[in-house]
Amino acid sequence: MYLVLEYALADDYLERRAALREDHLGLVRAAHERGEVLLAGALPDPYDRALLVWTAPREVVERFVAADPYVVQGLVTGWTVREWAVVVGS
């Protein structure tokens, strides 16, 4: 099972992210090393959303969100977690 975490990003995301980026990426990289996150990144033009694809249980994703400095500091204005029914690929 895959879960997709979608972030809605603040209008000034690009201007504010530098101060928080290493802490945010550290959390993402740690989750990736544990095999919980497969892919992660922002959607450009415009930078208004980011997606993280997970293989971990929903509770793990929600704990990540609660600890993510982008969320805590308001760079993320909203988020959702949805199951992804993959039909091609693994």
PDB file of N, CA and C in Angstrom:
ATOM      1  N   MET A   1       0.840  -1.186   0.000  1.00  0.00           N
ATOM      2  CA  MET A   1       0.000   0.000   0.000  1.00  0.00           C
ATOM      3  C   MET A   1       0.880   1.242   0.000  1.00  0.00           C
ATOM      4  N   TYR A   2       0.468   2.226  -0.754  1.00  0.00           N
ATOM      5  CA  TYR A   2       1.151   3.513  -0.805  1.00  0.00           C
ATOM      6  C   TYR A   2       0.223   4.588  -0.259  1.00  0.00           C
ATOM      7  N   LEU A   3       0.821   5.566   0.392  1.00  0.00           N
ATOM      8  CA  LEU A   3       0.107   6.754   0.819  1.00  0.00           C
ATOM      9  C   LEU A   3       0.789   7.957   0.188  1.00  0.00           C
ATOM     10  N   VAL A   4      -0.014   8.951  -0.185  1.00  0.00           N
ATOM     11  CA  VAL A   4       0.523  10.196  -0.711  1.00  0.00           C
ATOM     12  C   VAL A   4       0.200  11.302   0.279  1.00  0.00           C
ATOM     13  N   LEU A   5       1.254  11.956   0.741  1.00  0.00           N
ATOM     14  CA  LEU A   5       1.111  13.139   1.584  1.00  0.00           C
ATOM     15  C   LEU A   5       1.231  14.341   0.659  1.00  0.00           C
ATOM     16  N   GLU A   6       0.186  15.147   0.616  1.00  0.00           N
ATOM     17  CA  GLU A   6       0.202  16.353  -0.211  1.00  0.00           C
ATOM     18  C   GLU A   6       0.200  17.573   0.687  1.00  0.00           C
ATOM     19  N   TYR A   7       1.166  18.438   0.460  1.00  0.00           N
ATOM     20  CA  TYR A   7       1.272  19.703   1.179  1.00  0.00           C
ATOM     21  C   TYR A   7       0.782  20.835   0.283  1.00  0.00           C
ATOM     22  N   ALA A   8      -0.002  21.744   0.837  1.00  0.00           N
ATOM     23  CA  ALA A   8      -0.292  23.027   0.205  1.00  0.00           C
ATOM     24  C   ALA A   8       0.720  24.011   0.777  1.00  0.00           C
ATOM     25  N   LEU A   9       1.416  24.725  -0.092  1.00  0.00           N
ATOM     26  CA  LEU A   9       2.515  25.581   0.323  1.00  0.00           C
ATOM     27  C   LEU A   9       2.097  27.048   0.373  1.00  0.00           C
ATOM     28  N   ALA A  10       2.663  27.766   1.339  1.00  0.00           N
ATOM     29  CA  ALA A  10       2.389  29.191   1.500  1.00  0.00           C
ATOM     30  C   ALA A  10       2.871  29.964   0.273  1.00  0.00           C
ATOM     31  N   ASP A  11       2.260  31.103   0.022  1.00  0.00           N
ATOM     32  CA  ASP A  11       2.632  31.932  -1.126  1.00  0.00           C
ATOM     33  C   ASP A  11       4.103  32.345  -1.083  1.00  0.00           C
ATOM     34  N   ASP A  12       4.649  32.536   0.117  1.00  0.00           N
ATOM     35  CA  ASP A  12       6.051  32.957   0.256  1.00  0.00           C
ATOM     36  C   ASP A  12       6.979  31.785   0.583  1.00  0.00           C
ATOM     37  N   TYR A  13       6.583  30.591   0.212  1.00  0.00           N
ATOM     38  CA  TYR A  13       7.350  29.380   0.485  1.00  0.00           C
ATOM     39  C   TYR A  13       8.807  29.491   0.025  1.00  0.00           C
ATOM     40  N   LEU A  14       9.024  29.918  -1.197  1.00  0.00           N
ATOM     41  CA  LEU A  14      10.388  29.976  -1.731  1.00  0.00           C
ATOM     42  C   LEU A  14      11.260  30.954  -0.948  1.00  0.00           C
ATOM     43  N   GLU A  15      10.693  32.040  -0.501  1.00  0.00           N
ATOM     44  CA  GLU A  15      11.455  33.039   0.243  1.00  0.00           C
ATOM     45  C   GLU A  15      11.794  32.569   1.661  1.00  0.00           C
ATOM     46  N   ARG A  16      10.936  31.767   2.266  1.00  0.00           N
ATOM     47  CA  ARG A  16      11.093  31.386   3.670  1.00  0.00           C
ATOM     48  C   ARG A  16      11.722  30.024   3.894  1.00  0.00           C
ATOM     49  N   ARG A  17      11.809  29.183   2.886  1.00  0.00           N
ATOM     50  CA  ARG A  17      12.221  27.803   3.121  1.00  0.00           C
ATOM     51  C   ARG A  17      13.687  27.640   3.496  1.00  0.00           C
ATOM     52  N   ALA A  18      14.565  28.535   3.080  1.00  0.00           N
ATOM     53  CA  ALA A  18      16.006  28.352   3.285  1.00  0.00           C
ATOM     54  C   ALA A  18      16.357  28.122   4.754  1.00  0.00           C
ATOM     55  N   ALA A  19      15.740  28.856   5.650  1.00  0.00           N
ATOM     56  CA  ALA A  19      16.063  28.745   7.076  1.00  0.00           C
ATOM     57  C   ALA A  19      15.651  27.400   7.666  1.00  0.00           C
ATOM     58  N   LEU A  20      14.709  26.720   7.047  1.00  0.00           N
ATOM     59  CA  LEU A  20      14.159  25.473   7.584  1.00  0.00           C
ATOM     60  C   LEU A  20      14.494  24.251   6.740  1.00  0.00           C
ATOM     61  N   ARG A  21      15.084  24.484   5.598  1.00  0.00           N
ATOM     62  CA  ARG A  21      15.226  23.413   4.606  1.00  0.00           C
ATOM     63  C   ARG A  21      16.065  22.225   5.096  1.00  0.00           C
ATOM     64  N   GLU A  22      17.202  22.473   5.722  1.00  0.00           N
ATOM     65  CA  GLU A  22      18.051  21.358   6.156  1.00  0.00           C
ATOM     66  C   GLU A  22      17.362  20.497   7.204  1.00  0.00           C
ATOM     67  N   ASP A  23      16.647  21.121   8.141  1.00  0.00           N
ATOM     68  CA  ASP A  23      15.910  20.335   9.147  1.00  0.00           C
ATOM     69  C   ASP A  23      14.801  19.519   8.492  1.00  0.00           C
ATOM     70  N   HIS A  24      14.076  20.139   7.563  1.00  0.00           N
ATOM     71  CA  HIS A  24      13.010  19.435   6.841  1.00  0.00           C
ATOM     72  C   HIS A  24      13.588  18.256   6.047  1.00  0.00           C
ATOM     73  N   LEU A  25      14.646  18.532   5.274  1.00  0.00           N
ATOM     74  CA  LEU A  25      15.241  17.475   4.463  1.00  0.00           C
ATOM     75  C   LEU A  25      15.859  16.379   5.324  1.00  0.00           C
ATOM     76  N   GLY A  26      16.357  16.728   6.494  1.00  0.00           N
ATOM     77  CA  GLY A  26      16.880  15.714   7.408  1.00  0.00           C
ATOM     78  C   GLY A  26      15.802  14.729   7.822  1.00  0.00           C
ATOM     79  N   LEU A  27      14.606  15.238   8.119  1.00  0.00           N
ATOM     80  CA  LEU A  27      13.483  14.351   8.467  1.00  0.00           C
ATOM     81  C   LEU A  27      13.089  13.472   7.282  1.00  0.00           C
ATOM     82  N   VAL A  28      13.041  14.070   6.098  1.00  0.00           N
ATOM     83  CA  VAL A  28      12.654  13.308   4.904  1.00  0.00           C
ATOM     84  C   VAL A  28      13.702  12.239   4.605  1.00  0.00           C
ATOM     85  N   ARG A  29      14.971  12.616   4.668  1.00  0.00           N
ATOM     86  CA  ARG A  29      16.035  11.642   4.382  1.00  0.00           C
ATOM     87  C   ARG A  29      16.044  10.495   5.383  1.00  0.00           C
ATOM     88  N   ALA A  30      15.812  10.798   6.653  1.00  0.00           N
ATOM     89  CA  ALA A  30      15.762   9.745   7.669  1.00  0.00           C
ATOM     90  C   ALA A  30      14.615   8.780   7.381  1.00  0.00           C
ATOM     91  N   ALA A  31      13.448   9.315   7.005  1.00  0.00           N
ATOM     92  CA  ALA A  31      12.303   8.462   6.659  1.00  0.00           C
ATOM     93  C   ALA A  31      12.613   7.634   5.408  1.00  0.00           C
ATOM     94  N   HIS A  32      13.330   8.209   4.461  1.00  0.00           N
ATOM     95  CA  HIS A  32      13.713   7.485   3.255  1.00  0.00           C
ATOM     96  C   HIS A  32      14.671   6.345   3.600  1.00  0.00           C
ATOM     97  N   GLU A  33      15.636   6.623   4.451  1.00  0.00           N
ATOM     98  CA  GLU A  33      16.598   5.588   4.854  1.00  0.00           C
ATOM     99  C   GLU A  33      15.925   4.436   5.583  1.00  0.00           C
ATOM    100  N   ARG A  34      14.841   4.718   6.300  1.00  0.00           N
ATOM    101  CA  ARG A  34      14.087   3.664   6.987  1.00  0.00           C
ATOM    102  C   ARG A  34      13.144   2.923   6.039  1.00  0.00           C
ATOM    103  N   GLY A  35      13.074   3.368   4.787  1.00  0.00           N
ATOM    104  CA  GLY A  35      12.194   2.729   3.816  1.00  0.00           C
ATOM    105  C   GLY A  35      10.760   3.194   3.890  1.00  0.00           C
ATOM    106  N   GLU A  36      10.496   4.296   4.567  1.00  0.00           N
ATOM    107  CA  GLU A  36       9.128   4.799   4.733  1.00  0.00           C
ATOM    108  C   GLU A  36       8.712   5.726   3.596  1.00  0.00           C
ATOM    109  N   VAL A  37       9.628   6.567   3.127  1.00  0.00           N
ATOM    110  CA  VAL A  37       9.361   7.510   2.037  1.00  0.00           C
ATOM    111  C   VAL A  37      10.076   7.010   0.793  1.00  0.00           C
ATOM    112  N   LEU A  38       9.341   6.927  -0.316  1.00  0.00           N
ATOM    113  CA  LEU A  38       9.936   6.528  -1.591  1.00  0.00           C
ATOM    114  C   LEU A  38      10.403   7.722  -2.398  1.00  0.00           C
ATOM    115  N   LEU A  39       9.549   8.730  -2.497  1.00  0.00           N
ATOM    116  CA  LEU A  39       9.811   9.914  -3.306  1.00  0.00           C
ATOM    117  C   LEU A  39       9.272  11.137  -2.575  1.00  0.00           C
ATOM    118  N   ALA A  40       9.930  12.275  -2.779  1.00  0.00           N
ATOM    119  CA  ALA A  40       9.445  13.510  -2.162  1.00  0.00           C
ATOM    120  C   ALA A  40       9.937  14.702  -2.965  1.00  0.00           C
ATOM    121  N   GLY A  41       9.097  15.709  -3.086  1.00  0.00           N
ATOM    122  CA  GLY A  41       9.522  16.926  -3.768  1.00  0.00           C
ATOM    123  C   GLY A  41       8.366  17.872  -4.002  1.00  0.00           C
ATOM    124  N   ALA A  42       8.741  19.119  -4.308  1.00  0.00           N
ATOM    125  CA  ALA A  42       7.760  20.164  -4.589  1.00  0.00           C
ATOM    126  C   ALA A  42       7.375  20.139  -6.066  1.00  0.00           C
ATOM    127  N   LEU A  43       6.192  20.633  -6.363  1.00  0.00           N
ATOM    128  CA  LEU A  43       5.711  20.786  -7.734  1.00  0.00           C
ATOM    129  C   LEU A  43       5.964  22.241  -8.141  1.00  0.00           C
ATOM    130  N   PRO A  44       6.826  22.466  -9.145  1.00  0.00           N
ATOM    131  CA  PRO A  44       7.168  23.836  -9.532  1.00  0.00           C
ATOM    132  C   PRO A  44       6.182  24.446 -10.532  1.00  0.00           C
ATOM    133  N   ASP A  45       6.363  25.742 -10.688  1.00  0.00           N
ATOM    134  CA  ASP A  45       5.648  26.533 -11.712  1.00  0.00           C
ATOM    135  C   ASP A  45       4.139  26.432 -11.618  1.00  0.00           C
ATOM    136  N   PRO A  46       3.526  26.863 -10.577  1.00  0.00           N
ATOM    137  CA  PRO A  46       4.103  27.552  -9.416  1.00  0.00           C
ATOM    138  C   PRO A  46       4.445  26.558  -8.310  1.00  0.00           C
ATOM    139  N   TYR A  47       5.302  26.982  -7.402  1.00  0.00           N
ATOM    140  CA  TYR A  47       5.613  26.176  -6.216  1.00  0.00           C
ATOM    141  C   TYR A  47       4.473  26.339  -5.214  1.00  0.00           C
ATOM    142  N   ASP A  48       3.432  25.565  -5.395  1.00  0.00           N
ATOM    143  CA  ASP A  48       2.269  25.681  -4.515  1.00  0.00           C
ATOM    144  C   ASP A  48       1.897  24.367  -3.831  1.00  0.00           C
ATOM    145  N   ARG A  49       2.531  23.268  -4.233  1.00  0.00           N
ATOM    146  CA  ARG A  49       2.245  21.948  -3.671  1.00  0.00           C
ATOM    147  C   ARG A  49       3.538  21.152  -3.572  1.00  0.00           C
ATOM    148  N   ALA A  50       3.538  20.183  -2.656  1.00  0.00           N
ATOM    149  CA  ALA A  50       4.622  19.205  -2.565  1.00  0.00           C
ATOM    150  C   ALA A  50       3.987  17.851  -2.317  1.00  0.00           C
ATOM    151  N   LEU A  51       4.646  16.799  -2.791  1.00  0.00           N
ATOM    152  CA  LEU A  51       4.148  15.435  -2.645  1.00  0.00           C
ATOM    153  C   LEU A  51       5.222  14.555  -2.035  1.00  0.00           C
ATOM    154  N   LEU A  52       4.806  13.690  -1.127  1.00  0.00           N
ATOM    155  CA  LEU A  52       5.681  12.682  -0.552  1.00  0.00           C
ATOM    156  C   LEU A  52       4.959  11.349  -0.651  1.00  0.00           C
ATOM    157  N   VAL A  53       5.593  10.364  -1.263  1.00  0.00           N
ATOM    158  CA  VAL A  53       5.001   9.036  -1.443  1.00  0.00           C
ATOM    159  C   VAL A  53       5.567   8.119  -0.361  1.00  0.00           C
ATOM    160  N   TRP A  54       4.672   7.519   0.407  1.00  0.00           N
ATOM    161  CA  TRP A  54       5.026   6.717   1.582  1.00  0.00           C
ATOM    162  C   TRP A  54       4.628   5.257   1.407  1.00  0.00           C
ATOM    163  N   THR A  55       5.378   4.381   2.091  1.00  0.00           N
ATOM    164  CA  THR A  55       4.992   2.980   2.232  1.00  0.00           C
ATOM    165  C   THR A  55       4.749   2.647   3.699  1.00  0.00           C
ATOM    166  N   ALA A  56       4.725   3.652   4.521  1.00  0.00           N
ATOM    167  CA  ALA A  56       4.550   3.485   5.967  1.00  0.00           C
ATOM    168  C   ALA A  56       3.077   3.622   6.347  1.00  0.00           C
ATOM    169  N   PRO A  57       2.719   3.162   7.546  1.00  0.00           N
ATOM    170  CA  PRO A  57       1.343   3.349   8.013  1.00  0.00           C
ATOM    171  C   PRO A  57       1.001   4.832   8.204  1.00  0.00           C
ATOM    172  N   ARG A  58      -0.266   5.130   8.145  1.00  0.00           N
ATOM    173  CA  ARG A  58      -0.757   6.507   8.277  1.00  0.00           C
ATOM    174  C   ARG A  58      -0.246   7.191   9.547  1.00  0.00           C
ATOM    175  N   GLU A  59      -0.157   6.445  10.644  1.00  0.00           N
ATOM    176  CA  GLU A  59       0.293   7.043  11.912  1.00  0.00           C
ATOM    177  C   GLU A  59       1.724   7.583  11.778  1.00  0.00           C
ATOM    178  N   VAL A  60       2.555   6.880  11.033  1.00  0.00           N
ATOM    179  CA  VAL A  60       3.939   7.309  10.825  1.00  0.00           C
ATOM    180  C   VAL A  60       3.957   8.603  10.015  1.00  0.00           C
ATOM    181  N   VAL A  61       3.131   8.670   8.997  1.00  0.00           N
ATOM    182  CA  VAL A  61       3.038   9.869   8.169  1.00  0.00           C
ATOM    183  C   VAL A  61       2.559  11.046   9.022  1.00  0.00           C
ATOM    184  N   GLU A  62       1.563  10.822   9.839  1.00  0.00           N
ATOM    185  CA  GLU A  62       1.022  11.898  10.680  1.00  0.00           C
ATOM    186  C   GLU A  62       2.040  12.370  11.715  1.00  0.00           C
ATOM    187  N   ARG A  63       2.852  11.461  12.254  1.00  0.00           N
ATOM    188  CA  ARG A  63       3.923  11.876  13.179  1.00  0.00           C
ATOM    189  C   ARG A  63       4.965  12.721  12.454  1.00  0.00           C
ATOM    190  N   PHE A  64       5.277  12.336  11.210  1.00  0.00           N
ATOM    191  CA  PHE A  64       6.198  13.124  10.402  1.00  0.00           C
ATOM    192  C   PHE A  64       5.665  14.547  10.232  1.00  0.00           C
ATOM    193  N   VAL A  65       4.411  14.663   9.848  1.00  0.00           N
ATOM    194  CA  VAL A  65       3.798  15.975   9.633  1.00  0.00           C
ATOM    195  C   VAL A  65       3.887  16.817  10.901  1.00  0.00           C
ATOM    196  N   ALA A  66       3.575  16.228  12.040  1.00  0.00           N
ATOM    197  CA  ALA A  66       3.584  16.970  13.310  1.00  0.00           C
ATOM    198  C   ALA A  66       4.972  17.485  13.665  1.00  0.00           C
ATOM    199  N   ALA A  67       6.020  16.802  13.186  1.00  0.00           N
ATOM    200  CA  ALA A  67       7.396  17.198  13.507  1.00  0.00           C
ATOM    201  C   ALA A  67       8.050  18.041  12.418  1.00  0.00           C
ATOM    202  N   ASP A  68       7.447  18.125  11.250  1.00  0.00           N
ATOM    203  CA  ASP A  68       8.066  18.799  10.110  1.00  0.00           C
ATOM    204  C   ASP A  68       8.123  20.310  10.339  1.00  0.00           C
ATOM    205  N   PRO A  69       9.322  20.909  10.313  1.00  0.00           N
ATOM    206  CA  PRO A  69       9.426  22.349  10.527  1.00  0.00           C
ATOM    207  C   PRO A  69       8.672  23.173   9.476  1.00  0.00           C
ATOM    208  N   TYR A  70       8.500  22.654   8.274  1.00  0.00           N
ATOM    209  CA  TYR A  70       7.717  23.379   7.278  1.00  0.00           C
ATOM    210  C   TYR A  70       6.265  23.520   7.739  1.00  0.00           C
ATOM    211  N   VAL A  71       5.740  22.511   8.397  1.00  0.00           N
ATOM    212  CA  VAL A  71       4.373  22.562   8.915  1.00  0.00           C
ATOM    213  C   VAL A  71       4.334  23.442  10.170  1.00  0.00           C
ATOM    214  N   VAL A  72       5.234  23.169  11.097  1.00  0.00           N
ATOM    215  CA  VAL A  72       5.262  23.880  12.380  1.00  0.00           C
ATOM    216  C   VAL A  72       5.431  25.383  12.176  1.00  0.00           C
ATOM    217  N   GLN A  73       6.251  25.777  11.210  1.00  0.00           N
ATOM    218  CA  GLN A  73       6.537  27.195  10.980  1.00  0.00           C
ATOM    219  C   GLN A  73       5.648  27.851   9.922  1.00  0.00           C
ATOM    220  N   GLY A  74       4.638  27.133   9.433  1.00  0.00           N
ATOM    221  CA  GLY A  74       3.643  27.733   8.560  1.00  0.00           C
ATOM    222  C   GLY A  74       3.966  27.803   7.082  1.00  0.00           C
ATOM    223  N   LEU A  75       5.038  27.147   6.634  1.00  0.00           N
ATOM    224  CA  LEU A  75       5.293  27.095   5.191  1.00  0.00           C
ATOM    225  C   LEU A  75       4.285  26.192   4.507  1.00  0.00           C
ATOM    226  N   VAL A  76       3.755  25.239   5.245  1.00  0.00           N
ATOM    227  CA  VAL A  76       2.679  24.367   4.769  1.00  0.00           C
ATOM    228  C   VAL A  76       1.379  24.912   5.351  1.00  0.00           C
ATOM    229  N   THR A  77       0.451  25.244   4.480  1.00  0.00           N
ATOM    230  CA  THR A  77      -0.812  25.836   4.933  1.00  0.00           C
ATOM    231  C   THR A  77      -1.926  24.808   5.070  1.00  0.00           C
ATOM    232  N   GLY A  78      -1.699  23.602   4.561  1.00  0.00           N
ATOM    233  CA  GLY A  78      -2.670  22.520   4.674  1.00  0.00           C
ATOM    234  C   GLY A  78      -2.043  21.248   4.142  1.00  0.00           C
ATOM    235  N   TRP A  79      -2.582  20.119   4.559  1.00  0.00           N
ATOM    236  CA  TRP A  79      -2.036  18.844   4.102  1.00  0.00           C
ATOM    237  C   TRP A  79      -3.114  17.779   4.133  1.00  0.00           C
ATOM    238  N   THR A  80      -2.922  16.772   3.276  1.00  0.00           N
ATOM    239  CA  THR A  80      -3.812  15.618   3.242  1.00  0.00           C
ATOM    240  C   THR A  80      -2.974  14.360   3.079  1.00  0.00           C
ATOM    241  N   VAL A  81      -3.508  13.257   3.567  1.00  0.00           N
ATOM    242  CA  VAL A  81      -2.917  11.936   3.359  1.00  0.00           C
ATOM    243  C   VAL A  81      -3.988  11.092   2.683  1.00  0.00           C
ATOM    244  N   ARG A  82      -3.614  10.503   1.540  1.00  0.00           N
ATOM    245  CA  ARG A  82      -4.563   9.664   0.810  1.00  0.00           C
ATOM    246  C   ARG A  82      -3.889   8.392   0.369  1.00  0.00           C
ATOM    247  N   GLU A  83      -4.659   7.319   0.367  1.00  0.00           N
ATOM    248  CA  GLU A  83      -4.158   6.051  -0.169  1.00  0.00           C
ATOM    249  C   GLU A  83      -4.047   6.192  -1.685  1.00  0.00           C
ATOM    250  N   TRP A  84      -3.020   5.568  -2.237  1.00  0.00           N
ATOM    251  CA  TRP A  84      -2.792   5.606  -3.676  1.00  0.00           C
ATOM    252  C   TRP A  84      -2.918   4.188  -4.210  1.00  0.00           C
ATOM    253  N   ALA A  85      -3.878   3.964  -5.074  1.00  0.00           N
ATOM    254  CA  ALA A  85      -4.116   2.654  -5.661  1.00  0.00           C
ATOM    255  C   ALA A  85      -3.269   2.527  -6.924  1.00  0.00           C
ATOM    256  N   VAL A  86      -2.032   2.080  -6.772  1.00  0.00           N
ATOM    257  CA  VAL A  86      -1.089   1.939  -7.887  1.00  0.00           C
ATOM    258  C   VAL A  86      -1.488   0.713  -8.701  1.00  0.00           C
ATOM    259  N   VAL A  87      -1.596   0.877 -10.017  1.00  0.00           N
ATOM    260  CA  VAL A  87      -1.974  -0.239 -10.873  1.00  0.00           C
ATOM    261  C   VAL A  87      -0.844  -0.645 -11.837  1.00  0.00           C
ATOM    262  N   VAL A  88       0.140   0.210 -12.015  1.00  0.00           N
ATOM    263  CA  VAL A  88       1.304  -0.125 -12.852  1.00  0.00           C
ATOM    264  C   VAL A  88       2.542   0.278 -12.085  1.00  0.00           C
ATOM    265  N   GLY A  89       3.513  -0.608 -12.024  1.00  0.00           N
ATOM    266  CA  GLY A  89       4.754  -0.343 -11.302  1.00  0.00           C
ATOM    267  C   GLY A  89       4.704  -0.964  -9.916  1.00  0.00           C
ATOM    268  N   SER A  90       5.830  -0.826  -9.238  1.00  0.00           N
ATOM    269  CA  SER A  90       5.876  -1.396  -7.897  1.00  0.00           C
ATOM    270  C   SER A  90       6.581  -0.462  -6.949  1.00  0.00           C
TER     271      SER A  90
END
